[in-house]
Amino acid sequence: MGEMISSLTGGEANYAIIGCGVEGRGMGWYHALQLLNGEIPRARLSDVVEPFFLGAGKDLPPGKAFAEMAAKWKAKGVQFHASVDSGSLFSGATSGTKIALIAGRTCDNPGFFRQ
């Protein structure tokens, strides 16, 4: 998909995964991993939005696992946000196309879209 989008713009597509979840348990995490591993040509993971594990769930065991994963991904240039409307989404993106991939729980996705 990144190749298709970037072929229209001539550059690299920046992706924000909204609703990432924890390692090995969410589709958002899996899509982010594909981007980080370079499995999608001319696409990069620039941002992750994860309201629960950066908010109310941060002190739970999965929240702590998320924080460890986030630390590794931050070292690769990924920015993390507790909400879509944080004001800083895509602030570290390149000049290419910006794509928000909503991959949260089904009940949460309409709210993400409205943000």
Foldseek 3Di string as FASTA:
>chain_A
DQCVQCVVVVAAEEEEEEAQFAPPPFPSVVVQVCQVVCVDPRYHYAEYAHQCLVPVPCPPVSSVRRVVVVVVVVVVNHYYHNAPPPVCVCVSPDPGHYYYHYTHDPVCRVVNVVD
